[in-house]
Amino acid sequence: MMLVRTLSRTFALFIVLLPLVSALRALPHMLWTSEKRPPSIQWRWQDLGRDTDLIDIESISVSPDPPRPGEPVSVFVSGRTAEVIDRGAQYFVELKYGSSVLSKGWRDFCALTLESGYYCPILPGEFHLEETFDLPANVPSGKFTVLTIGQTKGGAEMFFVRSEIQVGK
């Protein structure tokens, strides 16, 4: 069960936490440009949201690709927020390994950001982030699928992303 919680939070970071750094975009050590990273081969993601979504995720990549259990992995995310994202926002995440659902449910968007040192409200504007963390050594090799949907307290859709990541040995 601990592995499932760790995996769920790790993959939630890929899709949910990273866009929240718009308030910290003035920190130059966090900025990156697409010219610095090669295109990903084993990381795939698809924006399933609408044009009216409050968060537009323009790119997501990981390095190394594929990630290796027990080693550091860096996640690079860029995009923009259209409006203030305030307390009460939630996200739904479903984590699958193959066809087995490991974890799913709604979570507090701002609580996740608070745990990681980022605070609501998130202000509108562009964001660019590099986040590095250790992938747990007990993550099995194989394909993980993550479905993530975010919405405001009032029910407005923030984002809707489906992603796949191949974890290597």
C-alpha atoms as a PDB file:
ATOM      1  CA  MET A   1       0.000   0.000   0.000  1.00  0.00           C
ATOM      2  CA  MET A   2       2.900   2.371   0.744  1.00  0.00           C
ATOM      3  CA  LEU A   3       4.257   1.775  -2.774  1.00  0.00           C
ATOM      4  CA  VAL A   4       0.854   2.692  -4.248  1.00  0.00           C
ATOM      5  CA  ARG A   5       0.735   5.937  -2.224  1.00  0.00           C
ATOM      6  CA  THR A   6       4.304   6.793  -3.248  1.00  0.00           C
ATOM      7  CA  LEU A   7       3.574   6.047  -6.911  1.00  0.00           C
ATOM      8  CA  SER A   8       0.315   7.981  -6.808  1.00  0.00           C
ATOM      9  CA  ARG A   9       2.006  11.058  -5.353  1.00  0.00           C
ATOM     10  CA  THR A  10       5.003  10.709  -7.692  1.00  0.00           C
ATOM     11  CA  PHE A  11       2.845  10.614 -10.807  1.00  0.00           C
ATOM     12  CA  ALA A  12       0.583  13.337  -9.451  1.00  0.00           C
ATOM     13  CA  LEU A  13       3.718  15.484  -9.325  1.00  0.00           C
ATOM     14  CA  PHE A  14       4.234  14.831 -13.041  1.00  0.00           C
ATOM     15  CA  ILE A  15       0.874  16.221 -13.993  1.00  0.00           C
ATOM     16  CA  VAL A  16      -0.554  18.262 -11.165  1.00  0.00           C
ATOM     17  CA  LEU A  17       2.024  19.847  -8.912  1.00  0.00           C
ATOM     18  CA  LEU A  18       4.399  21.117 -11.526  1.00  0.00           C
ATOM     19  CA  PRO A  19       2.100  23.682 -13.151  1.00  0.00           C
ATOM     20  CA  LEU A  20       1.719  25.417  -9.816  1.00  0.00           C
ATOM     21  CA  VAL A  21       5.024  27.220  -9.933  1.00  0.00           C
ATOM     22  CA  SER A  22       3.683  30.218 -11.813  1.00  0.00           C
ATOM     23  CA  ALA A  23       4.042  32.200  -8.597  1.00  0.00           C
ATOM     24  CA  LEU A  24       7.721  31.217  -8.451  1.00  0.00           C
ATOM     25  CA  ARG A  25       8.621  31.873 -12.085  1.00  0.00           C
ATOM     26  CA  ALA A  26      10.955  34.693 -11.087  1.00  0.00           C
ATOM     27  CA  LEU A  27      13.426  32.135  -9.740  1.00  0.00           C
ATOM     28  CA  PRO A  28      15.958  31.773 -12.573  1.00  0.00           C
ATOM     29  CA  HIS A  29      17.372  28.421 -11.396  1.00  0.00           C
ATOM     30  CA  MET A  30      13.987  26.810 -12.112  1.00  0.00           C
ATOM     31  CA  LEU A  31      13.681  28.076 -15.670  1.00  0.00           C
ATOM     32  CA  TRP A  32      14.490  25.989 -18.701  1.00  0.00           C
ATOM     33  CA  THR A  33      13.957  26.157 -22.422  1.00  0.00           C
ATOM     34  CA  SER A  34      13.042  23.434 -24.860  1.00  0.00           C
ATOM     35  CA  GLU A  35      16.426  23.820 -26.549  1.00  0.00           C
ATOM     36  CA  LYS A  36      18.109  22.349 -23.459  1.00  0.00           C
ATOM     37  CA  ARG A  37      16.289  18.997 -23.532  1.00  0.00           C
ATOM     38  CA  PRO A  38      15.968  16.421 -26.306  1.00  0.00           C
ATOM     39  CA  PRO A  39      12.473  15.215 -27.194  1.00  0.00           C
ATOM     40  CA  SER A  40      11.215  12.336 -25.074  1.00  0.00           C
ATOM     41  CA  ILE A  41      10.837   8.892 -26.621  1.00  0.00           C
ATOM     42  CA  GLN A  42       9.261   6.799 -23.850  1.00  0.00           C
ATOM     43  CA  TRP A  43       7.174   9.476 -22.171  1.00  0.00           C
ATOM     44  CA  ARG A  44       3.879  10.257 -23.859  1.00  0.00           C
ATOM     45  CA  TRP A  45       1.131  12.578 -22.807  1.00  0.00           C
ATOM     46  CA  GLN A  46      -2.048  13.866 -24.364  1.00  0.00           C
ATOM     47  CA  ASP A  47      -4.042  16.959 -23.457  1.00  0.00           C
ATOM     48  CA  LEU A  48      -7.670  15.820 -23.447  1.00  0.00           C
ATOM     49  CA  GLY A  49      -8.959  19.133 -22.136  1.00  0.00           C
ATOM     50  CA  ARG A  50     -10.910  21.902 -23.778  1.00  0.00           C
ATOM     51  CA  ASP A  51      -9.754  25.264 -25.094  1.00  0.00           C
ATOM     52  CA  THR A  52     -11.459  26.804 -22.065  1.00  0.00           C
ATOM     53  CA  ASP A  53      -9.306  24.921 -19.503  1.00  0.00           C
ATOM     54  CA  LEU A  54      -7.683  27.229 -16.942  1.00  0.00           C
ATOM     55  CA  ILE A  55      -4.282  25.528 -17.170  1.00  0.00           C
ATOM     56  CA  ASP A  56      -2.713  25.000 -20.588  1.00  0.00           C
ATOM     57  CA  ILE A  57       0.143  22.509 -20.293  1.00  0.00           C
ATOM     58  CA  GLU A  58       2.339  23.095 -23.342  1.00  0.00           C
ATOM     59  CA  SER A  59       5.033  20.506 -22.694  1.00  0.00           C
ATOM     60  CA  ILE A  60       6.004  17.760 -20.260  1.00  0.00           C
ATOM     61  CA  SER A  61       9.210  15.749 -20.461  1.00  0.00           C
ATOM     62  CA  VAL A  62      11.278  13.520 -18.179  1.00  0.00           C
ATOM     63  CA  SER A  63      14.988  12.784 -17.920  1.00  0.00           C
ATOM     64  CA  PRO A  64      16.346  10.167 -18.012  1.00  0.00           C
ATOM     65  CA  ASP A  65      13.854   8.689 -20.420  1.00  0.00           C
ATOM     66  CA  PRO A  66      12.907   6.051 -19.438  1.00  0.00           C
ATOM     67  CA  PRO A  67      13.233   6.690 -15.686  1.00  0.00           C
ATOM     68  CA  ARG A  68      14.999   3.994 -13.682  1.00  0.00           C
ATOM     69  CA  PRO A  69      13.827   2.790 -10.261  1.00  0.00           C
ATOM     70  CA  GLY A  70      16.062   3.938  -7.416  1.00  0.00           C
ATOM     71  CA  GLU A  71      17.531   6.815  -9.442  1.00  0.00           C
ATOM     72  CA  PRO A  72      16.772  10.530  -9.671  1.00  0.00           C
ATOM     73  CA  VAL A  73      14.285  11.633 -12.325  1.00  0.00           C
ATOM     74  CA  SER A  74      13.758  15.201 -13.514  1.00  0.00           C
ATOM     75  CA  VAL A  75      10.417  16.436 -14.783  1.00  0.00           C
ATOM     76  CA  PHE A  76      10.159  19.497 -17.018  1.00  0.00           C
ATOM     77  CA  VAL A  77       6.805  21.237 -17.433  1.00  0.00           C
ATOM     78  CA  SER A  78       5.824  24.468 -19.146  1.00  0.00           C
ATOM     79  CA  GLY A  79       2.576  26.185 -19.949  1.00  0.00           C
ATOM     80  CA  ARG A  80       0.322  28.917 -18.672  1.00  0.00           C
ATOM     81  CA  THR A  81      -2.520  29.524 -16.279  1.00  0.00           C
ATOM     82  CA  ALA A  82      -5.438  31.610 -17.562  1.00  0.00           C
ATOM     83  CA  GLU A  83      -6.975  32.594 -14.234  1.00  0.00           C
ATOM     84  CA  VAL A  84      -6.222  32.497 -10.519  1.00  0.00           C
ATOM     85  CA  ILE A  85      -6.373  28.942  -9.135  1.00  0.00           C
ATOM     86  CA  ASP A  86      -7.664  29.293  -5.581  1.00  0.00           C
ATOM     87  CA  ARG A  87      -8.353  27.113  -2.556  1.00  0.00           C
ATOM     88  CA  GLY A  88     -11.020  24.479  -3.068  1.00  0.00           C
ATOM     89  CA  ALA A  89      -9.555  23.302  -6.376  1.00  0.00           C
ATOM     90  CA  GLN A  90      -9.339  19.507  -6.695  1.00  0.00           C
ATOM     91  CA  TYR A  91      -7.756  16.975  -8.976  1.00  0.00           C
ATOM     92  CA  PHE A  92      -8.687  13.407  -9.804  1.00  0.00           C
ATOM     93  CA  VAL A  93      -5.863  11.002 -10.505  1.00  0.00           C
ATOM     94  CA  GLU A  94      -6.082   7.392 -11.643  1.00  0.00           C
ATOM     95  CA  LEU A  95      -2.811   5.465 -11.696  1.00  0.00           C
ATOM     96  CA  LYS A  96      -2.698   2.185 -13.615  1.00  0.00           C
ATOM     97  CA  TYR A  97       0.060  -0.376 -14.024  1.00  0.00           C
ATOM     98  CA  GLY A  98      -0.819  -2.281 -17.165  1.00  0.00           C
ATOM     99  CA  SER A  99      -4.577  -2.772 -16.858  1.00  0.00           C
ATOM    100  CA  SER A 100      -4.600  -2.816 -13.032  1.00  0.00           C
ATOM    101  CA  VAL A 101      -5.784   0.319 -11.235  1.00  0.00           C
ATOM    102  CA  LEU A 102      -3.327   0.997  -8.396  1.00  0.00           C
ATOM    103  CA  SER A 103      -4.904   4.168  -7.082  1.00  0.00           C
ATOM    104  CA  LYS A 104      -7.678   6.587  -7.936  1.00  0.00           C
ATOM    105  CA  GLY A 105      -9.583   9.377  -6.284  1.00  0.00           C
ATOM    106  CA  TRP A 106     -10.105  13.095  -5.811  1.00  0.00           C
ATOM    107  CA  ARG A 107      -7.515  15.075  -3.888  1.00  0.00           C
ATOM    108  CA  ASP A 108      -7.104  18.656  -2.685  1.00  0.00           C
ATOM    109  CA  PHE A 109      -5.073  20.568  -5.267  1.00  0.00           C
ATOM    110  CA  CYS A 110      -3.775  23.214  -2.843  1.00  0.00           C
ATOM    111  CA  ALA A 111      -2.930  20.665  -0.108  1.00  0.00           C
ATOM    112  CA  LEU A 112      -0.611  18.946  -2.580  1.00  0.00           C
ATOM    113  CA  THR A 113       1.038  22.252  -3.372  1.00  0.00           C
ATOM    114  CA  LEU A 114       1.393  23.126   0.311  1.00  0.00           C
ATOM    115  CA  GLU A 115       3.126  19.790   1.028  1.00  0.00           C
ATOM    116  CA  SER A 116       5.646  20.660  -1.656  1.00  0.00           C
ATOM    117  CA  GLY A 117       6.267  24.273  -0.668  1.00  0.00           C
ATOM    118  CA  TYR A 118       3.957  25.988  -3.172  1.00  0.00           C
ATOM    119  CA  TYR A 119       0.953  28.010  -2.089  1.00  0.00           C
ATOM    120  CA  CYS A 120      -2.509  28.877  -3.387  1.00  0.00           C
ATOM    121  CA  PRO A 121      -3.695  31.107  -4.906  1.00  0.00           C
ATOM    122  CA  ILE A 122      -1.754  30.409  -8.096  1.00  0.00           C
ATOM    123  CA  LEU A 123      -1.588  33.536 -10.220  1.00  0.00           C
ATOM    124  CA  PRO A 124      -2.216  33.688 -13.989  1.00  0.00           C
ATOM    125  CA  GLY A 125       0.761  33.611 -16.352  1.00  0.00           C
ATOM    126  CA  GLU A 126       3.451  31.428 -17.850  1.00  0.00           C
ATOM    127  CA  PHE A 127       5.304  28.778 -15.884  1.00  0.00           C
ATOM    128  CA  HIS A 128       8.484  26.789 -16.456  1.00  0.00           C
ATOM    129  CA  LEU A 129       9.741  24.254 -13.949  1.00  0.00           C
ATOM    130  CA  GLU A 130      12.338  21.605 -13.447  1.00  0.00           C
ATOM    131  CA  GLU A 131      11.609  19.272 -10.524  1.00  0.00           C
ATOM    132  CA  THR A 132      13.968  16.432  -9.572  1.00  0.00           C
ATOM    133  CA  PHE A 133      13.167  13.611  -7.150  1.00  0.00           C
ATOM    134  CA  ASP A 134      14.206  10.009  -6.513  1.00  0.00           C
ATOM    135  CA  LEU A 135      12.008   7.355  -8.096  1.00  0.00           C
ATOM    136  CA  PRO A 136      11.467   4.660  -5.430  1.00  0.00           C
ATOM    137  CA  ALA A 137      13.664   1.583  -5.930  1.00  0.00           C
ATOM    138  CA  ASN A 138      10.684  -0.762  -5.580  1.00  0.00           C
ATOM    139  CA  VAL A 139       8.769   0.675  -8.564  1.00  0.00           C
ATOM    140  CA  PRO A 140       8.268  -2.215 -10.989  1.00  0.00           C
ATOM    141  CA  SER A 141       9.478  -1.872 -14.560  1.00  0.00           C
ATOM    142  CA  GLY A 142       6.709  -1.504 -17.106  1.00  0.00           C
ATOM    143  CA  LYS A 143       4.097   0.889 -18.430  1.00  0.00           C
ATOM    144  CA  PHE A 144       2.185   3.207 -16.121  1.00  0.00           C
ATOM    145  CA  THR A 145      -0.845   5.167 -17.283  1.00  0.00           C
ATOM    146  CA  VAL A 146      -2.045   8.252 -15.440  1.00  0.00           C
ATOM    147  CA  LEU A 147      -5.341  10.032 -16.017  1.00  0.00           C
ATOM    148  CA  THR A 148      -5.473  13.420 -14.278  1.00  0.00           C
ATOM    149  CA  ILE A 149      -8.346  15.898 -14.229  1.00  0.00           C
ATOM    150  CA  GLY A 150      -8.310  19.180 -12.325  1.00  0.00           C
ATOM    151  CA  GLN A 151     -11.215  21.455 -11.478  1.00  0.00           C
ATOM    152  CA  THR A 152     -11.834  24.581  -9.462  1.00  0.00           C
ATOM    153  CA  LYS A 153     -14.067  24.787  -6.401  1.00  0.00           C
ATOM    154  CA  GLY A 154     -16.831  26.018  -8.721  1.00  0.00           C
ATOM    155  CA  GLY A 155     -16.392  23.036 -11.070  1.00  0.00           C
ATOM    156  CA  ALA A 156     -14.544  24.767 -13.929  1.00  0.00           C
ATOM    157  CA  GLU A 157     -12.119  22.386 -15.646  1.00  0.00           C
ATOM    158  CA  MET A 158      -8.468  23.314 -15.083  1.00  0.00           C
ATOM    159  CA  PHE A 159      -6.864  20.511 -17.113  1.00  0.00           C
ATOM    160  CA  PHE A 160      -7.414  16.963 -18.372  1.00  0.00           C
ATOM    161  CA  VAL A 161      -4.296  14.966 -19.225  1.00  0.00           C
ATOM    162  CA  ARG A 162      -3.633  11.316 -20.037  1.00  0.00           C
ATOM    163  CA  SER A 163      -0.019  10.226 -19.833  1.00  0.00           C
ATOM    164  CA  GLU A 164       2.027   7.073 -20.162  1.00  0.00           C
ATOM    165  CA  ILE A 165       5.500   6.470 -18.873  1.00  0.00           C
ATOM    166  CA  GLN A 166       7.689   3.444 -19.417  1.00  0.00           C
ATOM    167  CA  VAL A 167       9.839   2.707 -16.359  1.00  0.00           C
ATOM    168  CA  GLY A 168      13.054   0.897 -17.311  1.00  0.00           C
ATOM    169  CA  LYS A 169      15.188  -1.579 -15.371  1.00  0.00           C
END
